[in-house]
Protein backbone atom coordinates (compact mmCIF):
# COMPACT_ATOMS: atom_id res chain seq x y z
CA MET A 1 -37.93 -17.21 -2.86
CA ALA A 2 -34.51 -17.64 -1.51
CA ILE A 3 -30.85 -17.07 -2.63
CA THR A 4 -28.12 -19.16 -1.59
CA ILE A 5 -24.50 -18.44 -1.41
CA LEU A 6 -22.71 -21.31 -2.97
CA SER A 7 -19.23 -19.86 -2.85
CA SER A 8 -17.39 -16.93 -1.08
CA PRO A 9 -14.20 -15.58 -0.34
CA ASP A 10 -12.00 -15.95 2.55
CA GLN A 11 -12.31 -13.41 5.44
CA PHE A 12 -9.27 -11.67 4.36
CA MET A 13 -8.40 -10.67 0.67
CA ALA A 14 -6.60 -8.46 -1.67
CA ALA A 15 -9.05 -5.88 -2.76
CA TYR A 16 -6.89 -5.36 -6.10
CA ASN A 17 -7.76 -8.90 -7.21
CA GLN A 18 -10.67 -10.84 -7.76
CA ILE A 19 -13.10 -11.08 -4.74
CA PRO A 20 -15.35 -13.59 -6.22
CA TYR A 21 -19.01 -14.88 -5.47
CA THR A 22 -21.17 -17.40 -6.54
CA VAL A 23 -24.98 -17.36 -5.55
CA SER A 24 -28.04 -18.91 -6.86
CA SER A 25 -31.84 -18.10 -6.62
CA ASN A 26 -34.84 -20.32 -7.33
CA ASN A 27 -36.81 -17.22 -8.37
CA THR A 28 -34.95 -16.72 -11.75
CA ALA A 29 -38.05 -17.63 -13.80
CA GLU A 30 -39.81 -14.54 -12.67
CA PRO A 31 -40.22 -11.81 -15.34
CA ASN A 32 -36.99 -9.33 -15.47
CA PHE A 33 -35.61 -11.15 -12.77
CA ASN A 34 -32.16 -9.22 -11.15
CA PHE A 35 -29.79 -10.37 -8.57
CA ILE A 36 -29.14 -7.10 -6.36
CA VAL A 37 -25.94 -6.99 -4.09
CA ASP A 38 -25.61 -4.35 -1.57
CA ILE A 39 -21.90 -3.90 -0.65
CA ASN A 40 -21.77 -2.35 2.79
CA GLU A 41 -19.17 -0.90 5.06
CA THR A 42 -19.69 -2.33 8.62
CA ASN A 43 -19.49 0.75 10.46
CA GLY A 44 -20.74 2.85 7.41
CA THR A 45 -23.28 5.60 7.87
CA ASN A 46 -24.13 5.77 3.87
CA ASN A 47 -24.63 2.13 3.16
CA PRO A 48 -24.99 0.68 1.04
CA LEU A 49 -21.37 1.82 -0.53
CA ALA A 50 -22.68 0.35 -3.89
CA ARG A 51 -25.66 -1.59 -5.10
CA LEU A 52 -24.95 -4.14 -8.35
CA LYS A 53 -27.45 -5.26 -10.37
CA TYR A 54 -27.26 -8.61 -12.21
CA PRO A 55 -29.62 -10.23 -14.59
CA ALA A 56 -30.34 -13.83 -14.28
CA GLN A 57 -28.18 -15.70 -16.77
CA PRO A 58 -30.18 -17.88 -19.60
CA SER A 59 -30.87 -21.51 -18.47
CA SER A 60 -29.07 -21.08 -15.20
CA SER A 61 -30.18 -20.35 -11.55
CA GLN A 62 -26.46 -19.33 -10.48
CA LEU A 63 -24.39 -16.14 -10.83
CA THR A 64 -20.46 -15.53 -10.53
CA PHE A 65 -19.45 -12.18 -9.78
CA ASP A 66 -16.86 -10.07 -8.62
CA VAL A 67 -16.95 -7.41 -5.72
CA GLY A 68 -13.14 -6.53 -5.96
CA ASN A 69 -13.64 -3.57 -8.26
CA VAL A 70 -16.17 -1.78 -5.53
CA VAL A 71 -13.87 -2.70 -2.53
CA LYS A 72 -10.64 -1.37 -3.85
CA ASN A 73 -12.21 2.15 -4.42
CA TYR A 74 -12.52 2.49 -0.74
CA VAL A 75 -8.82 1.17 0.28
CA SER A 76 -6.01 3.42 0.72
CA TYR A 77 -2.87 3.30 2.67
CA ASP A 78 -1.31 4.09 5.85
CA PHE A 79 1.78 6.07 6.24
CA ASP A 80 2.72 8.07 9.49
CA ALA A 81 5.68 10.48 10.01
CA SER A 82 5.18 11.02 13.46
CA SER A 83 6.95 9.00 16.53
CA PHE A 84 4.79 6.03 17.56
CA ILE A 85 5.50 2.51 18.56
CA ALA A 86 2.64 0.82 16.96
CA MET A 87 -0.88 1.53 15.33
CA ALA A 88 -3.36 0.02 13.53
CA ASN A 89 -3.87 0.87 9.93
CA PRO A 90 -7.63 1.35 8.97
CA LYS A 91 -6.97 3.19 5.82
CA SER A 92 -5.37 -0.03 4.31
CA ARG A 93 -8.43 -2.11 4.40
CA LEU A 94 -12.18 -2.19 4.11
CA ASN A 95 -14.37 -3.73 6.55
CA TYR A 96 -17.56 -5.12 4.70
CA PHE A 97 -20.30 -7.02 4.38
CA LEU A 98 -22.81 -8.07 1.36
CA GLN A 99 -26.45 -8.35 1.30
CA PHE A 100 -28.51 -10.25 -1.48
CA ARG A 101 -31.89 -9.19 -2.75
CA GLU A 102 -33.77 -10.06 -5.92
CA LEU A 103 -35.54 -7.61 -8.17
CA TYR A 104 -38.43 -8.63 -10.55
CA ASP A 105 -41.74 -7.70 -11.86
CA ASN A 106 -44.96 -8.80 -9.80
CA ALA A 107 -48.39 -9.68 -11.21
CA SER A 108 -48.83 -6.19 -12.11
CA GLY A 109 -45.80 -5.63 -13.95
CA ILE A 110 -44.19 -3.37 -11.34
CA PRO A 111 -40.63 -3.99 -10.68
CA THR A 112 -40.38 -5.43 -6.91
CA LEU A 113 -37.45 -5.42 -4.63
CA SER A 114 -37.22 -7.98 -2.18
CA GLY A 115 -36.06 -7.69 1.45
CA VAL A 116 -32.55 -9.37 2.69
CA LEU A 117 -32.48 -12.81 1.49
CA ALA A 118 -28.93 -13.69 2.36
CA SER A 119 -25.93 -12.12 3.88
CA ASP A 120 -22.03 -12.66 4.01
CA PRO A 121 -21.14 -13.26 6.88
CA PRO A 122 -24.59 -14.58 7.65
CA THR A 123 -24.93 -12.36 10.69
CA PRO A 124 -22.43 -9.57 10.08
CA SER A 125 -21.75 -7.07 13.09
CA SER A 126 -19.34 -4.43 14.08
CA SER A 127 -17.02 -7.32 14.76
CA VAL A 128 -18.14 -9.94 12.16
CA PHE A 129 -17.06 -8.99 8.64
CA LYS A 130 -15.03 -9.54 5.46
CA VAL A 131 -11.59 -7.43 5.06
CA GLY A 132 -10.47 -6.16 1.72
CA THR A 133 -6.66 -4.87 2.01
CA ASN A 134 -4.50 -2.76 -0.22
CA ALA A 135 -2.77 -5.62 -1.57
CA ILE A 136 -2.35 -7.03 -4.97
CA PHE A 137 -0.64 -10.20 -6.40
CA ASP A 138 0.42 -11.09 -9.72
CA PHE A 139 -1.47 -13.53 -12.16
CA GLU A 140 0.85 -16.45 -11.39
CA GLU A 141 0.54 -15.72 -7.42
CA TYR A 142 -3.04 -15.07 -6.97
CA THR A 143 -5.14 -17.74 -5.12
CA PRO A 144 -8.49 -16.87 -3.17
CA THR A 145 -6.35 -17.57 0.05
CA ILE A 146 -3.41 -16.19 -0.68
CA PHE A 147 -3.33 -13.11 1.66
CA GLU A 148 -4.57 -14.80 4.57
CA THR A 149 -1.70 -17.64 4.36
CA LYS A 150 0.91 -15.07 3.02
CA GLN A 151 4.36 -15.25 4.79
CA VAL A 152 7.05 -13.32 3.66
CA LEU A 153 10.47 -15.01 3.87
CA ASN A 154 8.79 -16.66 6.80
CA TYR A 155 9.53 -13.58 9.15
CA GLY A 156 5.86 -12.24 9.33
CA PHE A 157 6.23 -8.51 8.25
CA LEU A 158 4.61 -7.33 4.92
CA ASN A 159 7.81 -6.38 4.04
CA TYR A 160 10.04 -8.34 1.50
CA GLN A 161 13.75 -7.48 2.66
CA ALA A 162 14.47 -10.04 5.27
CA LYS A 163 17.81 -7.84 6.20
CA GLU A 164 18.46 -4.27 5.98
CA ASN A 165 20.94 -1.87 6.67
CA ILE A 166 19.94 1.37 8.46
CA PHE A 167 21.42 4.64 9.47
CA ALA A 168 21.11 6.88 12.55
CA ASN A 169 17.86 8.96 12.61
CA GLN A 170 16.34 7.09 9.61
CA LYS A 171 12.33 6.36 9.32
CA ARG A 172 11.43 2.90 8.93
CA ILE A 173 7.86 1.38 9.29
CA LEU A 174 7.21 -2.17 9.30
CA ASN A 175 3.67 -3.44 8.54
CA TRP A 176 2.42 -6.90 9.51
CA PHE A 177 -0.81 -8.89 9.41
CA ASP A 178 -2.43 -10.36 12.46
CA LYS A 179 -5.26 -12.76 11.72
CA THR A 180 -5.54 -14.03 15.40
CA ARG A 181 -5.06 -10.62 16.92
CA VAL A 182 -2.06 -12.47 19.54
CA ALA A 183 0.34 -9.63 19.12
CA TYR A 184 1.27 -8.17 22.68
CA PHE A 185 4.90 -6.83 22.92
CA ALA A 186 7.16 -4.78 20.52
CA GLU A 187 10.89 -5.80 21.40
CA ILE A 188 14.22 -4.67 20.07
CA GLY A 189 17.63 -6.02 20.98
CA TYR A 190 21.15 -6.94 19.68
CA ASN A 191 21.15 -9.72 17.31
CA THR A 192 24.24 -11.71 18.50
CA GLY A 193 25.98 -11.24 22.20
CA ALA A 194 22.72 -10.76 24.31
CA SER A 195 20.19 -13.49 25.17
CA GLY A 196 17.29 -11.26 24.85
CA PRO A 197 15.38 -7.90 24.18
CA LEU A 198 16.91 -5.12 25.80
CA ALA A 199 13.73 -2.90 25.41
CA VAL A 200 10.20 -4.07 25.28
CA PHE A 201 6.89 -2.28 24.59
CA ASP A 202 3.32 -3.34 25.59
CA ILE A 203 1.28 -2.84 22.57
CA SER A 204 -1.85 -4.37 23.58
CA PRO A 205 -4.65 -3.96 22.34
CA LEU A 206 -3.72 -1.91 19.43
CA ALA A 207 -7.41 -1.29 18.19
CA ALA A 208 -10.56 -3.68 18.28
CA ASN A 209 -11.27 -5.22 14.84
CA GLU A 210 -8.21 -4.44 13.17
CA TYR A 211 -5.62 -6.75 11.64
CA LEU A 212 -3.25 -4.64 9.86
CA PHE A 213 -0.54 -2.59 12.14
CA SER A 214 2.43 -0.72 11.69
CA LEU A 215 5.29 -0.46 13.85
CA ASP A 216 8.13 2.50 14.22
CA VAL A 217 11.54 1.07 14.26
CA LEU A 218 12.75 4.24 14.90
CA THR A 219 11.26 4.69 17.99
CA LEU A 220 12.52 1.43 19.32
CA MET A 221 16.10 2.46 17.92
CA ASN A 222 16.38 5.23 20.27
CA GLU A 223 15.95 3.13 23.27
CA ILE A 224 19.22 1.16 22.99
CA THR A 225 22.75 2.20 22.22
CA LEU A 226 24.17 1.31 18.35
CA ASN A 227 27.66 1.52 17.17
CA GLU A 228 28.77 0.73 13.59
CA GLY A 229 28.19 -2.78 12.35
CA ASN A 230 25.83 -3.77 15.31
CA GLU A 231 23.19 -6.27 14.23
CA PHE A 232 19.79 -5.83 16.08
CA PHE A 233 16.34 -7.30 15.87
CA VAL A 234 12.98 -5.92 15.81
CA ARG A 235 10.26 -8.29 16.58
CA ILE A 236 6.53 -8.87 17.53
CA THR A 237 5.86 -11.33 20.51
CA ASP A 238 2.61 -12.93 22.02
CA THR A 239 2.44 -13.14 26.00
CA ASN A 240 4.13 -16.64 25.66
CA SER A 241 7.16 -14.91 23.86
CA ASN A 242 6.56 -16.70 20.68
CA VAL A 243 7.97 -14.58 17.91
CA ILE A 244 4.99 -13.33 15.19
CA ALA A 245 7.27 -11.44 13.11
CA ASN A 246 10.99 -10.70 13.20
CA LYS A 247 13.30 -8.70 11.24
CA ILE A 248 17.06 -7.91 11.32
CA PHE A 249 18.81 -4.52 10.92
CA THR A 250 22.52 -3.69 10.54
CA TYR A 251 23.57 -0.23 11.75
CA THR A 252 25.73 1.53 9.63
CA GLU A 253 27.13 4.88 9.11
CA PRO A 254 26.98 6.78 5.89
CA CYS A 255 30.56 6.19 4.04
CA SER A 256 29.60 7.77 0.80
CA GLN A 257 30.52 11.17 -0.44
CA TYR A 258 27.22 11.87 -2.11
CA GLU A 259 24.13 12.78 -0.44
CA ASN A 260 21.85 9.72 0.47
CA ILE A 261 18.52 9.50 -1.18
CA ARG A 262 16.09 7.18 1.06
CA LEU A 263 12.89 6.29 -0.61
CA HIS A 264 9.89 4.73 1.25
CA TYR A 265 7.40 3.00 -1.60
CA LEU A 266 4.29 0.89 -1.16
CA ASN A 267 4.70 -2.69 -1.89
CA LYS A 268 2.49 -5.56 -3.38
CA LEU A 269 1.23 -6.80 0.06
CA GLY A 270 0.28 -3.14 1.13
CA GLY A 271 3.44 -2.49 3.23
CA PHE A 272 6.06 0.22 2.70
CA ASP A 273 9.69 -0.78 1.91
CA VAL A 274 12.85 1.37 1.56
CA PHE A 275 15.91 1.70 -0.56
CA ASN A 276 18.86 3.79 0.28
CA PHE A 277 20.50 5.43 -2.96
CA ASN A 278 24.04 6.89 -1.97
CA LYS A 279 25.61 7.34 -5.40
CA ASN A 280 25.88 10.30 -7.35
CA LYS A 281 22.49 12.31 -8.40
CA VAL A 282 21.69 15.04 -10.78
CA HIS A 283 19.15 17.48 -10.42
CA ASP A 284 17.42 18.89 -13.50
CA LEU A 285 14.78 21.59 -13.60
CA ASP A 286 12.01 21.38 -16.63
CA ILE A 287 11.10 24.82 -17.34
CA GLU A 288 7.81 25.79 -19.05
CA ARG A 289 7.09 29.07 -20.12
CA LYS A 290 4.15 31.14 -21.52
CA GLN A 291 4.42 34.51 -23.09
CA PHE A 292 2.44 37.22 -24.23
CA LYS A 293 3.38 40.12 -26.41
CA ALA A 294 2.72 43.59 -25.30
CA PRO A 295 2.19 46.35 -28.26
CA LEU A 296 4.97 48.88 -27.90
CA THR A 297 4.40 52.60 -28.62
CA ILE A 298 6.04 54.94 -31.06
CA GLY A 299 9.51 55.72 -29.86
CA TYR A 300 9.85 52.73 -27.58
CA ASN A 301 12.83 52.58 -25.26
CA LYS A 302 15.14 49.68 -25.19
CA SER A 303 13.88 48.96 -21.60
CA ASP A 304 10.72 48.56 -22.86
CA ARG A 305 9.54 44.69 -22.93
CA LEU A 306 8.01 43.17 -25.93
CA LYS A 307 7.70 39.64 -24.66
CA THR A 308 7.01 38.77 -21.32
CA ASN A 309 6.81 35.51 -19.31
CA TYR A 310 3.29 35.12 -17.55
CA ASN A 311 3.17 31.70 -16.47
CA THR A 312 6.68 29.94 -15.46
CA THR A 313 6.26 26.35 -14.27
CA ILE A 314 9.12 24.30 -12.65
CA ASN A 315 9.26 20.50 -12.53
CA ASP A 316 12.08 19.10 -10.56
CA LYS A 317 13.60 15.69 -11.75
CA ILE A 318 16.64 13.85 -10.00
CA THR A 319 18.48 11.15 -11.43
CA ILE A 320 19.70 8.73 -8.66
CA ASN A 321 21.95 5.63 -8.59
CA SER A 322 22.46 2.92 -5.84
CA ASP A 323 25.52 1.43 -4.59
CA TRP A 324 26.29 -1.97 -6.02
CA ILE A 325 23.25 -4.37 -5.48
CA SER A 326 22.85 -8.26 -5.50
CA GLU A 327 20.31 -10.32 -7.66
CA GLU A 328 17.74 -10.16 -4.80
CA GLN A 329 17.61 -6.57 -4.54
CA SER A 330 17.48 -6.18 -8.47
CA ALA A 331 14.34 -8.13 -8.24
CA LEU A 332 12.79 -6.41 -5.25
CA LEU A 333 13.34 -2.89 -6.77
CA GLU A 334 10.88 -3.99 -9.67
CA GLN A 335 8.30 -3.21 -6.74
CA LEU A 336 10.00 0.52 -6.36
CA ALA A 337 10.00 1.06 -10.24
CA THR A 338 6.28 0.05 -10.42
CA SER A 339 4.90 1.20 -6.91
CA PRO A 340 2.21 4.02 -7.00
CA ILE A 341 2.95 5.74 -3.86
CA ILE A 342 6.55 6.76 -3.20
CA TYR A 343 8.27 9.21 -0.51
CA LEU A 344 11.35 10.88 -0.58
CA GLU A 345 12.68 11.09 3.13
CA ARG A 346 14.05 14.52 3.93
CA SER A 347 13.94 13.87 7.57
CA PRO A 348 12.43 11.32 10.13
CA THR A 349 9.32 13.74 9.99
CA ASP A 350 9.65 15.46 6.53
CA PHE A 351 8.67 13.32 3.72
CA ILE A 352 7.99 14.40 -0.22
CA ALA A 353 5.76 12.63 -2.46
CA ILE A 354 7.45 11.62 -5.43
CA ASN A 355 6.97 9.59 -8.70
CA ILE A 356 9.32 7.29 -10.74
CA LEU A 357 9.57 8.45 -14.16
CA ASN A 358 11.20 5.43 -15.80
CA SER A 359 9.32 3.67 -18.24
CA ASN A 360 11.34 0.16 -18.20
CA TYR A 361 13.10 -1.68 -15.59
CA GLU A 362 15.67 -4.59 -16.21
CA ILE A 363 15.93 -7.15 -13.40
CA LYS A 364 19.58 -8.01 -13.35
CA THR A 365 21.46 -11.16 -12.66
CA TYR A 366 25.28 -11.98 -12.17
CA LEU A 367 25.15 -15.28 -14.69
CA THR A 368 23.56 -12.74 -17.53
CA ASP A 369 25.75 -9.62 -16.97
CA ARG A 370 28.84 -11.32 -15.51
CA LYS A 371 29.81 -8.33 -13.52
CA LEU A 372 28.59 -5.96 -10.63
CA PHE A 373 25.75 -4.14 -11.41
CA ASN A 374 23.84 -1.22 -9.66
CA VAL A 375 20.28 0.68 -10.71
CA THR A 376 19.65 4.14 -11.69
CA PHE A 377 16.09 5.77 -11.18
CA GLU A 378 14.55 9.36 -12.42
CA ILE A 379 12.34 10.68 -10.02
CA GLU A 380 10.20 13.88 -9.85
CA TYR A 381 8.50 15.73 -7.17
CA SER A 382 4.51 15.04 -7.42
CA TYR A 383 4.15 19.09 -7.16
CA SER A 384 5.46 21.68 -9.99
CA ARG A 385 6.67 25.10 -8.60
CA TYR A 386 5.87 28.51 -10.02
CA ARG A 387 7.51 31.86 -10.53
CA GLN A 388 6.06 35.36 -10.19
CA SER A 389 3.52 36.43 -12.88
CA LEU A 390 4.46 40.21 -13.21
């Protein structure tokens, strides 16, 4: 008996897409034959994470199946409000390996499970494994190699905006994927008027067997002097000064009379992008009350209470508006409109989990609208508030 792996996914895959395998066995003619697939975490203590059973297909010794639905259940996201320079993102991925077995009835009709007949990778270990990330790609984008080869606007970070405005004391986390683990330095400097970085931080090694990382821009910003209108770069380099990832920021001061609403949201690549809403906002309260009636005595007083609110639930909803935006920003904000994880920044160390309530989103273009445009979102806190029940 033998199982042969005919096709397997790349080492790095988006767990929210398909992670397809095709295997074959020379034993499928055995009674009640089933392929058994164990999905194991590389450093897991309760393996397998899942055991999948697939019956043999009629007139075929091959089986094609997808493990993405299992892998994604063990993938989350990394968002740290503390101050740091760079750190690994272990929650944003699952390091895993597969083992293949056969199950069939023996000569006595008793179900028999074989030992491990094949593995992917062939010799898995704590340093040899597959990686499922928290990314997802649309139907038209998806290929079995897209995550490993993905370059966002050719600047390397897993964030879609090539250039951003940033205010003083605003949090910004940049995420990057380092397949070959060659990143050694985080650098910041003026984008014009200077020949090199003004501050350099040694970030090697970040963590063994990790490929997804975060960089805290605010920590780097605190190392240089910035004035209104300054452009500065933040980049990751190797020991030969080759730039792995680079991003340009413009340092600006708030110029709106309204409170700035800054949202951090998980994008399709598994990194966090941000957007500032600096126009009028409206704060509404949805109030839900439950009441009971108490019997009143004969000769009751007007101050006696017949109806009493015993449960008052308050849901905070805020309507926020952006400044004028570009066509590119309008397209990118579709990811905010559909993101499952969104945080409202109160301060660089204080974040509130929120949800977007809009049920539709229009991607606007200048050719279609023939005017400048902005965008409006309705958000709500992910928690409810309650009043006393007396």
